[in-house]
N, C-alpha and C. Protein backbone atom coordinates (compact mmCIF):
# COMPACT_ATOMS: atom_id res chain seq x y z
N MET A 1 63.31 111.22 96.14
CA MET A 1 64.15 111.31 94.94
C MET A 1 63.50 109.48 94.96
N THR A 2 63.44 109.53 93.43
CA THR A 2 63.64 107.78 93.58
C THR A 2 64.75 106.82 93.09
N PRO A 3 63.99 105.40 93.06
CA PRO A 3 65.22 104.10 93.68
C PRO A 3 66.37 104.76 91.85
N LYS A 4 65.82 105.49 91.23
CA LYS A 4 66.84 105.60 89.32
C LYS A 4 67.60 106.75 89.73
N MET A 5 67.00 107.80 90.09
CA MET A 5 68.05 109.27 90.80
C MET A 5 68.61 108.42 91.86
N MET A 6 68.12 107.34 92.95
CA MET A 6 69.47 107.50 93.65
C MET A 6 70.69 106.27 93.47
N LEU A 7 70.12 106.08 92.71
CA LEU A 7 71.20 105.00 91.69
C LEU A 7 72.12 106.03 90.86
N ALA A 8 71.67 106.98 90.35
CA ALA A 8 72.40 108.39 89.28
C ALA A 8 73.65 108.54 90.37
N THR A 9 72.73 109.04 91.55
CA THR A 9 73.52 109.78 92.52
C THR A 9 75.06 108.65 93.28
N LEU A 10 74.48 107.08 93.17
CA LEU A 10 75.48 106.23 93.78
C LEU A 10 76.65 106.07 92.76
N ALA A 11 75.99 106.57 91.43
CA ALA A 11 77.36 106.34 89.92
C ALA A 11 78.26 106.81 90.37
N ALA A 12 77.22 108.80 90.59
CA ALA A 12 78.43 109.97 90.77
C ALA A 12 79.54 109.87 91.83
N VAL A 13 78.72 109.21 93.04
CA VAL A 13 79.72 109.18 94.04
C VAL A 13 80.85 108.27 93.93
N LEU A 14 80.68 106.98 93.33
CA LEU A 14 81.39 105.90 92.79
C LEU A 14 82.57 106.22 91.75
N ALA A 15 82.29 107.41 90.76
CA ALA A 15 83.02 107.81 89.65
C ALA A 15 84.14 108.15 90.40
N ALA A 16 83.72 109.17 91.56
CA ALA A 16 84.59 109.80 92.18
C ALA A 16 85.33 109.58 92.59
N ALA A 17 85.08 107.85 92.51
CA ALA A 17 86.15 107.33 93.73
C ALA A 17 87.47 107.18 93.85
N PRO A 18 88.34 107.10 92.37
CA PRO A 18 89.41 106.98 92.26
C PRO A 18 90.01 108.30 92.25
N ALA A 19 89.58 109.23 92.05
CA ALA A 19 90.33 110.36 92.59
C ALA A 19 90.29 110.93 93.77
N VAL A 20 89.65 110.47 94.54
CA VAL A 20 90.15 110.84 95.94
C VAL A 20 90.85 109.58 97.03
N ALA A 21 90.40 108.58 95.73
CA ALA A 21 92.06 106.96 95.94
C ALA A 21 92.88 107.37 96.01
N GLN A 22 93.29 108.16 95.28
CA GLN A 22 94.76 108.89 94.54
C GLN A 22 95.44 109.56 95.65
N ASP A 23 97.50 109.66 96.05
CA ASP A 23 97.37 109.60 96.96
C ASP A 23 98.01 111.14 96.22
N PRO A 24 98.31 111.92 95.44
CA PRO A 24 99.24 112.97 95.17
C PRO A 24 100.68 113.26 96.18
N ALA A 25 101.61 113.19 95.77
CA ALA A 25 103.09 113.13 97.00
C ALA A 25 102.61 113.33 98.57
N GLY A 26 101.81 112.12 98.63
CA GLY A 26 101.77 111.32 99.63
C GLY A 26 100.93 112.76 100.82
N GLN A 27 100.04 113.57 100.27
CA GLN A 27 99.06 114.15 100.81
C GLN A 27 98.24 113.46 101.88
N ALA A 28 97.82 112.32 101.99
CA ALA A 28 96.63 111.82 102.51
C ALA A 28 97.69 112.02 104.02
N GLN A 29 98.88 112.02 104.01
CA GLN A 29 98.90 111.55 105.73
C GLN A 29 99.05 112.93 106.41
N ASN A 30 98.84 114.50 105.45
CA ASN A 30 98.68 115.33 106.36
C ASN A 30 97.29 115.54 106.24
N GLN A 31 96.02 114.62 105.98
CA GLN A 31 94.58 115.21 105.87
C GLN A 31 93.76 114.66 107.81
N PRO A 32 93.17 115.28 107.58
CA PRO A 32 92.65 114.87 109.28
C PRO A 32 91.71 113.60 109.28
N ALA A 33 90.87 113.22 108.12
CA ALA A 33 90.28 112.06 107.81
C ALA A 33 90.98 111.58 106.67
N ASP A 34 90.52 109.80 107.17
CA ASP A 34 90.72 108.98 105.46
C ASP A 34 89.92 109.29 104.66
N ASN A 35 90.04 110.08 103.83
CA ASN A 35 88.86 110.31 102.59
C ASN A 35 88.13 109.18 102.06
N MET A 36 89.21 107.89 101.85
CA MET A 36 88.57 106.94 101.03
C MET A 36 87.70 106.19 102.00
N GLN A 37 87.59 106.20 102.96
CA GLN A 37 86.68 105.71 103.96
C GLN A 37 85.98 106.45 104.29
N ILE A 38 85.82 108.23 104.15
CA ILE A 38 84.82 108.60 104.15
C ILE A 38 83.22 108.26 102.90
N LEU A 39 84.51 108.20 101.70
CA LEU A 39 83.71 107.60 100.15
C LEU A 39 83.07 106.44 100.33
N LEU A 40 83.36 105.60 101.28
CA LEU A 40 82.55 104.34 101.28
C LEU A 40 81.87 104.26 101.72
N ASP A 41 81.57 105.19 103.22
CA ASP A 41 80.72 105.11 104.32
C ASP A 41 79.27 106.10 103.30
N LYS A 42 80.14 106.98 102.88
CA LYS A 42 78.90 107.74 101.79
C LYS A 42 78.07 106.88 100.65
N ILE A 43 78.85 105.85 100.25
CA ILE A 43 78.65 104.67 99.41
C ILE A 43 77.49 103.81 99.61
N ARG A 44 77.95 103.70 101.13
CA ARG A 44 77.30 102.84 102.16
C ARG A 44 76.04 102.95 102.60
N ALA A 45 75.60 104.27 102.61
CA ALA A 45 74.02 105.06 103.49
C ALA A 45 74.14 105.60 102.09
N ASP A 46 74.43 105.63 100.87
CA ASP A 46 73.54 105.76 99.69
C ASP A 46 72.63 104.66 98.96
N LYS A 47 73.52 103.62 99.23
CA LYS A 47 73.70 102.42 98.82
C LYS A 47 72.24 102.03 99.90
N LYS A 48 71.92 101.69 100.86
CA LYS A 48 71.26 101.70 101.71
C LYS A 48 70.08 102.69 101.83
N LEU A 49 70.08 103.56 101.49
CA LEU A 49 68.90 104.70 101.28
C LEU A 49 68.04 103.75 100.01
N VAL A 50 69.26 103.19 98.96
CA VAL A 50 68.36 102.33 97.29
C VAL A 50 67.51 102.00 98.32
N VAL A 51 68.12 100.78 98.72
CA VAL A 51 67.35 99.20 98.97
C VAL A 51 66.18 99.62 99.78
N ALA A 52 66.29 100.85 100.75
CA ALA A 52 64.69 100.73 101.26
C ALA A 52 64.14 101.69 100.74
N GLU A 53 64.61 102.75 99.97
CA GLU A 53 63.51 103.09 98.81
C GLU A 53 62.65 102.23 97.80
N ALA A 54 63.51 101.19 97.35
CA ALA A 54 62.70 100.17 96.21
C ALA A 54 62.51 99.01 96.78
N MET A 55 62.66 98.84 98.44
CA MET A 55 62.04 97.86 98.66
C MET A 55 60.69 97.89 99.09
N GLY A 56 60.54 98.81 99.77
CA GLY A 56 59.45 98.99 100.32
C GLY A 56 58.45 97.87 101.49
N LEU A 57 59.52 98.50 102.21
CA LEU A 57 59.06 97.08 103.19
C LEU A 57 57.93 97.67 104.26
N THR A 58 57.17 96.64 104.95
CA THR A 58 55.77 97.04 106.18
C THR A 58 57.44 97.44 107.49
N GLU A 59 57.23 97.51 108.13
CA GLU A 59 57.53 98.39 109.55
C GLU A 59 58.30 96.64 109.99
N SER A 60 57.38 95.88 110.09
CA SER A 60 57.88 95.27 110.50
C SER A 60 58.84 93.93 109.96
N GLU A 61 58.55 94.19 108.66
CA GLU A 61 59.57 93.49 107.84
C GLU A 61 61.15 94.20 107.97
N ALA A 62 60.65 95.36 107.55
CA ALA A 62 62.45 96.70 108.12
C ALA A 62 63.24 96.05 109.68
N THR A 63 62.14 95.85 110.46
CA THR A 63 62.81 95.26 111.54
C THR A 63 63.66 94.32 111.63
N ALA A 64 63.39 93.23 110.41
CA ALA A 64 63.78 91.59 110.46
C ALA A 64 64.73 92.11 109.26
N PHE A 65 64.55 92.82 108.74
CA PHE A 65 65.22 92.65 107.61
C PHE A 65 66.96 93.11 107.69
N TRP A 66 66.67 94.66 107.89
CA TRP A 66 67.95 95.80 107.87
C TRP A 66 69.05 94.80 108.69
N PRO A 67 69.04 93.84 109.76
CA PRO A 67 69.65 93.47 110.31
C PRO A 67 71.01 92.36 109.59
N VAL A 68 70.12 91.46 108.74
CA VAL A 68 70.36 90.43 107.49
C VAL A 68 70.81 91.27 106.24
N TYR A 69 70.41 92.52 106.23
CA TYR A 69 71.16 93.40 105.70
C TYR A 69 72.46 93.70 105.82
N ASP A 70 72.82 94.68 106.74
CA ASP A 70 73.53 94.71 107.21
C ASP A 70 75.05 93.60 107.32
N ALA A 71 74.45 92.74 107.92
CA ALA A 71 75.42 91.39 107.84
C ALA A 71 76.05 90.41 106.23
N TYR A 72 74.72 91.21 105.70
CA TYR A 72 75.18 90.38 103.85
C TYR A 72 76.36 91.69 103.56
N GLN A 73 76.22 92.74 103.77
CA GLN A 73 76.65 93.71 103.50
C GLN A 73 78.18 93.63 104.12
N ARG A 74 78.92 93.66 105.42
CA ARG A 74 79.50 93.51 105.96
C ARG A 74 80.78 91.80 105.02
N ASP A 75 80.01 90.67 105.29
CA ASP A 75 80.04 89.98 104.30
C ASP A 75 80.35 89.95 102.91
N LEU A 76 79.80 91.17 101.87
CA LEU A 76 80.27 91.35 100.52
C LEU A 76 80.95 92.64 100.49
N SER A 77 81.12 93.17 101.68
CA SER A 77 82.81 94.30 101.56
C SER A 77 83.87 93.32 101.06
N GLY A 78 84.02 92.34 102.03
CA GLY A 78 85.40 91.51 101.94
C GLY A 78 85.45 91.15 100.99
N ILE A 79 84.47 90.92 99.81
CA ILE A 79 84.52 89.94 97.94
C ILE A 79 84.19 91.48 97.27
N ALA A 80 84.29 92.48 97.67
CA ALA A 80 84.05 93.75 96.92
C ALA A 80 85.75 94.58 96.59
N ALA A 81 86.65 94.20 98.31
CA ALA A 81 87.43 94.95 98.42
C ALA A 81 88.78 93.60 97.59
N ARG A 82 88.28 92.68 97.39
CA ARG A 82 89.11 91.57 96.52
C ARG A 82 88.93 92.02 95.03
N SER A 83 87.86 92.04 94.80
CA SER A 83 87.91 92.88 93.87
C SER A 83 88.55 94.00 92.73
N VAL A 84 88.33 94.99 93.92
CA VAL A 84 88.99 96.06 93.71
C VAL A 84 90.66 96.28 93.60
N LYS A 85 91.37 94.83 94.69
CA LYS A 85 92.67 94.63 94.65
C LYS A 85 93.07 93.82 92.81
N LEU A 86 92.04 92.63 92.72
CA LEU A 86 92.62 92.41 91.67
C LEU A 86 92.24 93.44 90.29
N ILE A 87 91.57 94.21 90.32
CA ILE A 87 91.44 95.05 89.17
C ILE A 87 92.92 96.27 88.89
N GLN A 88 92.99 96.69 90.46
CA GLN A 88 94.75 97.32 90.68
C GLN A 88 95.84 96.63 90.07
N ASP A 89 95.36 94.51 90.81
CA ASP A 89 96.92 93.70 90.32
C ASP A 89 97.23 93.98 88.60
N TYR A 90 95.42 93.56 88.16
CA TYR A 90 95.62 93.46 87.03
C TYR A 90 96.44 94.91 85.95
N ALA A 91 95.74 96.26 86.68
CA ALA A 91 96.54 97.05 85.89
C ALA A 91 98.02 97.62 85.95
N ALA A 92 97.98 97.28 87.55
CA ALA A 92 99.68 97.00 87.58
C ALA A 92 100.68 96.13 86.84
N SER A 93 100.07 95.40 86.76
CA SER A 93 101.20 94.36 85.40
C SER A 93 100.86 93.84 84.21
N TYR A 94 99.49 95.06 83.50
CA TYR A 94 99.35 94.88 82.36
C TYR A 94 100.31 95.15 81.03
N GLN A 95 101.23 96.33 81.81
CA GLN A 95 102.35 96.42 80.08
C GLN A 95 103.14 94.89 80.39
N ALA A 96 103.53 94.35 81.74
CA ALA A 96 105.13 93.34 81.44
C ALA A 96 104.08 91.77 81.67
N MET A 97 102.46 91.48 81.04
CA MET A 97 102.26 90.28 81.93
C MET A 97 103.11 89.28 81.28
N THR A 98 103.06 88.91 82.03
CA THR A 98 103.68 86.76 82.38
C THR A 98 102.40 86.20 82.30
N PRO A 99 102.44 84.85 81.19
CA PRO A 99 101.58 84.07 81.41
C PRO A 99 101.36 83.46 83.24
N GLN A 100 102.12 83.61 83.88
CA GLN A 100 102.00 82.90 84.87
C GLN A 100 101.27 84.08 85.60
N VAL A 101 101.70 85.67 85.12
CA VAL A 101 100.47 86.81 86.39
C VAL A 101 99.40 85.96 85.47
N ALA A 102 99.05 86.37 84.43
CA ALA A 102 97.85 86.34 83.24
C ALA A 102 97.24 85.52 84.28
N ARG A 103 97.71 83.83 84.46
CA ARG A 103 96.58 82.40 84.97
C ARG A 103 96.47 83.27 86.45
N GLN A 104 97.20 83.73 87.52
CA GLN A 104 97.07 83.47 88.39
C GLN A 104 95.70 85.05 88.83
N LEU A 105 95.96 86.06 87.92
CA LEU A 105 95.09 86.48 87.89
C LEU A 105 93.18 86.08 87.08
N LEU A 106 93.57 84.86 86.40
CA LEU A 106 92.36 85.15 85.97
C LEU A 106 91.96 83.64 87.14
N ASP A 107 92.70 82.97 87.77
CA ASP A 107 91.82 82.12 88.46
C ASP A 107 92.01 82.65 89.67
N THR A 108 91.93 83.99 90.14
CA THR A 108 91.73 84.66 91.44
C THR A 108 90.62 85.20 91.28
N SER A 109 90.13 86.18 90.02
CA SER A 109 88.94 86.60 89.46
C SER A 109 87.97 85.54 89.20
N LEU A 110 87.97 84.03 88.66
CA LEU A 110 86.83 83.42 88.68
C LEU A 110 86.69 82.99 90.59
N THR A 111 87.68 82.51 91.53
CA THR A 111 87.47 82.17 92.90
C THR A 111 86.55 83.53 93.66
N ILE A 112 86.97 85.47 93.07
CA ILE A 112 86.17 85.74 93.38
C ILE A 112 84.38 85.83 93.11
N GLU A 113 84.15 85.61 92.24
CA GLU A 113 83.00 85.37 91.47
C GLU A 113 82.46 84.02 92.20
N ARG A 114 83.12 83.30 92.01
CA ARG A 114 82.46 82.11 93.13
C ARG A 114 81.75 82.23 94.37
N ASP A 115 83.13 82.92 95.40
CA ASP A 115 82.76 83.51 96.53
C ASP A 115 82.10 83.85 96.47
N ARG A 116 81.70 85.33 95.55
CA ARG A 116 80.45 86.16 95.41
C ARG A 116 79.15 85.27 94.90
N VAL A 117 78.85 84.55 94.48
CA VAL A 117 77.86 83.32 94.67
C VAL A 117 77.41 82.84 95.28
N GLN A 118 79.01 81.61 96.00
CA GLN A 118 78.18 80.80 97.26
C GLN A 118 77.42 81.90 98.53
N LEU A 119 78.01 83.42 98.87
CA LEU A 119 77.08 84.35 99.42
C LEU A 119 76.27 84.64 99.34
N MET A 120 75.81 85.14 98.04
CA MET A 120 74.62 85.16 97.97
C MET A 120 73.83 84.04 98.02
N GLN A 121 73.66 82.96 97.52
CA GLN A 121 73.32 81.76 97.84
C GLN A 121 73.30 81.30 99.84
N SER A 122 74.35 81.92 100.45
CA SER A 122 73.70 81.16 101.49
C SER A 122 73.20 82.02 102.17
N TYR A 123 72.86 83.60 101.65
CA TYR A 123 71.96 84.75 102.09
C TYR A 123 70.55 84.60 101.94
N VAL A 124 69.95 83.57 100.72
CA VAL A 124 68.70 83.73 100.38
C VAL A 124 67.86 83.43 101.56
N PRO A 125 68.28 81.89 102.44
CA PRO A 125 67.48 81.61 103.54
C PRO A 125 67.33 82.31 104.89
N LYS A 126 68.73 83.10 104.87
CA LYS A 126 68.19 84.14 105.67
C LYS A 126 67.33 85.59 105.18
N PHE A 127 67.28 85.25 104.00
CA PHE A 127 66.16 86.69 103.47
C PHE A 127 64.75 85.76 103.31
N ARG A 128 64.66 84.61 102.93
CA ARG A 128 63.72 84.41 103.51
C ARG A 128 62.67 84.15 104.73
N GLN A 129 63.62 84.13 105.22
CA GLN A 129 63.26 83.43 107.67
C GLN A 129 62.57 85.22 107.56
N VAL A 130 63.04 86.11 106.81
CA VAL A 130 62.29 87.59 107.77
C VAL A 130 61.56 88.58 106.30
N ILE A 131 61.25 88.42 105.16
CA ILE A 131 61.03 89.30 104.30
C ILE A 131 59.84 87.45 102.92
N PRO A 132 59.18 88.13 102.67
CA PRO A 132 58.11 87.83 101.46
C PRO A 132 58.94 87.18 100.30
N GLU A 133 58.75 85.93 99.83
CA GLU A 133 59.94 85.63 98.52
C GLU A 133 59.76 86.57 97.36
N THR A 134 58.98 87.61 96.98
CA THR A 134 58.92 88.29 96.05
C THR A 134 59.63 89.44 96.38
N LYS A 135 59.36 89.54 97.71
CA LYS A 135 60.46 90.92 98.59
C LYS A 135 62.38 90.18 98.34
N VAL A 136 62.36 88.95 98.66
CA VAL A 136 63.71 88.47 97.86
C VAL A 136 64.21 88.44 96.48
N ALA A 137 63.79 88.51 96.44
CA ALA A 137 63.55 88.19 94.90
C ALA A 137 64.36 89.72 94.34
N ARG A 138 63.41 90.73 94.44
CA ARG A 138 63.19 91.78 94.45
C ARG A 138 64.50 92.73 95.34
N TYR A 139 64.63 92.24 96.14
CA TYR A 139 65.95 92.49 96.52
C TYR A 139 67.58 92.10 96.04
N TYR A 140 67.31 90.67 95.61
CA TYR A 140 68.47 90.23 94.40
C TYR A 140 68.98 91.28 93.36
N GLN A 141 67.20 91.77 93.07
CA GLN A 141 67.69 92.18 91.91
C GLN A 141 68.05 93.99 91.70
N ILE A 142 67.59 94.63 93.10
CA ILE A 142 68.42 95.61 93.48
C ILE A 142 70.07 95.76 93.27
N GLU A 143 70.24 94.73 94.34
CA GLU A 143 71.61 94.86 94.04
C GLU A 143 72.35 93.83 93.08
N ASN A 144 71.76 92.88 92.07
CA ASN A 144 72.06 93.03 90.95
C ASN A 144 72.98 94.25 90.14
N LYS A 145 71.11 95.87 90.07
CA LYS A 145 71.43 96.40 89.20
C LYS A 145 72.90 97.57 90.31
N ILE A 146 72.97 97.85 91.35
CA ILE A 146 73.44 98.15 92.15
C ILE A 146 75.33 97.55 91.36
N ARG A 147 75.53 96.51 91.76
CA ARG A 147 76.68 95.56 91.08
C ARG A 147 76.70 96.23 89.94
N ALA A 148 75.82 96.03 89.07
CA ALA A 148 76.38 96.85 87.46
C ALA A 148 76.30 98.10 87.70
N VAL A 149 76.09 98.81 88.33
CA VAL A 149 76.86 100.57 87.91
C VAL A 149 78.09 100.51 88.80
N ILE A 150 78.53 99.38 89.82
CA ILE A 150 79.54 99.47 90.56
C ILE A 150 80.63 99.02 89.59
N ASN A 151 80.34 97.64 88.69
CA ASN A 151 80.74 97.35 87.63
C ASN A 151 81.55 98.30 86.54
N TYR A 152 80.69 99.19 86.43
CA TYR A 152 80.79 99.86 85.60
C TYR A 152 81.95 100.81 85.55
N GLU A 153 81.33 101.31 86.48
CA GLU A 153 82.76 102.43 87.32
C GLU A 153 84.04 101.48 87.56
N LEU A 154 84.26 100.51 88.08
CA LEU A 154 85.79 99.53 87.79
C LEU A 154 86.02 99.11 86.93
N ALA A 155 85.12 99.10 86.04
CA ALA A 155 85.64 98.59 84.38
C ALA A 155 86.42 99.77 83.91
N ALA A 156 86.68 100.74 84.56
CA ALA A 156 87.52 102.01 83.77
C ALA A 156 89.27 102.19 84.16
N GLY A 157 88.56 101.45 85.53
CA GLY A 157 90.33 101.25 85.94
C GLY A 157 90.78 100.34 84.95
N ILE A 158 90.33 99.28 84.14
CA ILE A 158 90.88 98.01 83.43
C ILE A 158 91.37 98.51 81.58
N PRO A 159 93.08 98.29 81.92
CA PRO A 159 93.26 98.70 80.24
C PRO A 159 92.82 97.62 79.75
N LEU A 160 92.58 97.96 77.78
CA LEU A 160 92.28 97.45 77.16
C LEU A 160 93.10 97.06 75.94
N ALA A 161 93.84 97.79 76.38
CA ALA A 161 95.09 98.05 74.66
C ALA A 161 96.34 98.68 75.13
N LYS A 162 97.38 97.55 74.35
CA LYS A 162 98.72 97.80 74.34
C LYS A 162 99.00 99.13 74.02
């Protein structure tokens, strides 16, 4: 499977996320597994597969790269969770948005983006220690592309008109 096909699969999984996340009539309490956790695990696995295919790492590079990648993904997941919560808060407040809530949501959004950039910057030296500079650049472009797919899917939950 090509990286492009894997991105399409990842996008399809992400598109299903809102449906799985909904809890009609409290049915999630009666389910044996946490569907959202299963979905998140699938997204992580698919993302790792996309990265593995696109990076073209040697065996020694892979041995050094994957622990740094896993640590970065753990740190990134906290920022992703904050982004999802922000979108949910925005959607919930949309119809009766006050100037104070609007200010708080915007400030939170900018803080999340600042934290994302700071996290990316903090990992550049770590990635540079384990893979060549060209592959560091490639990895960050892969992350950018995946983030664009995720942002596209998240944007569906943002109301635009009253």
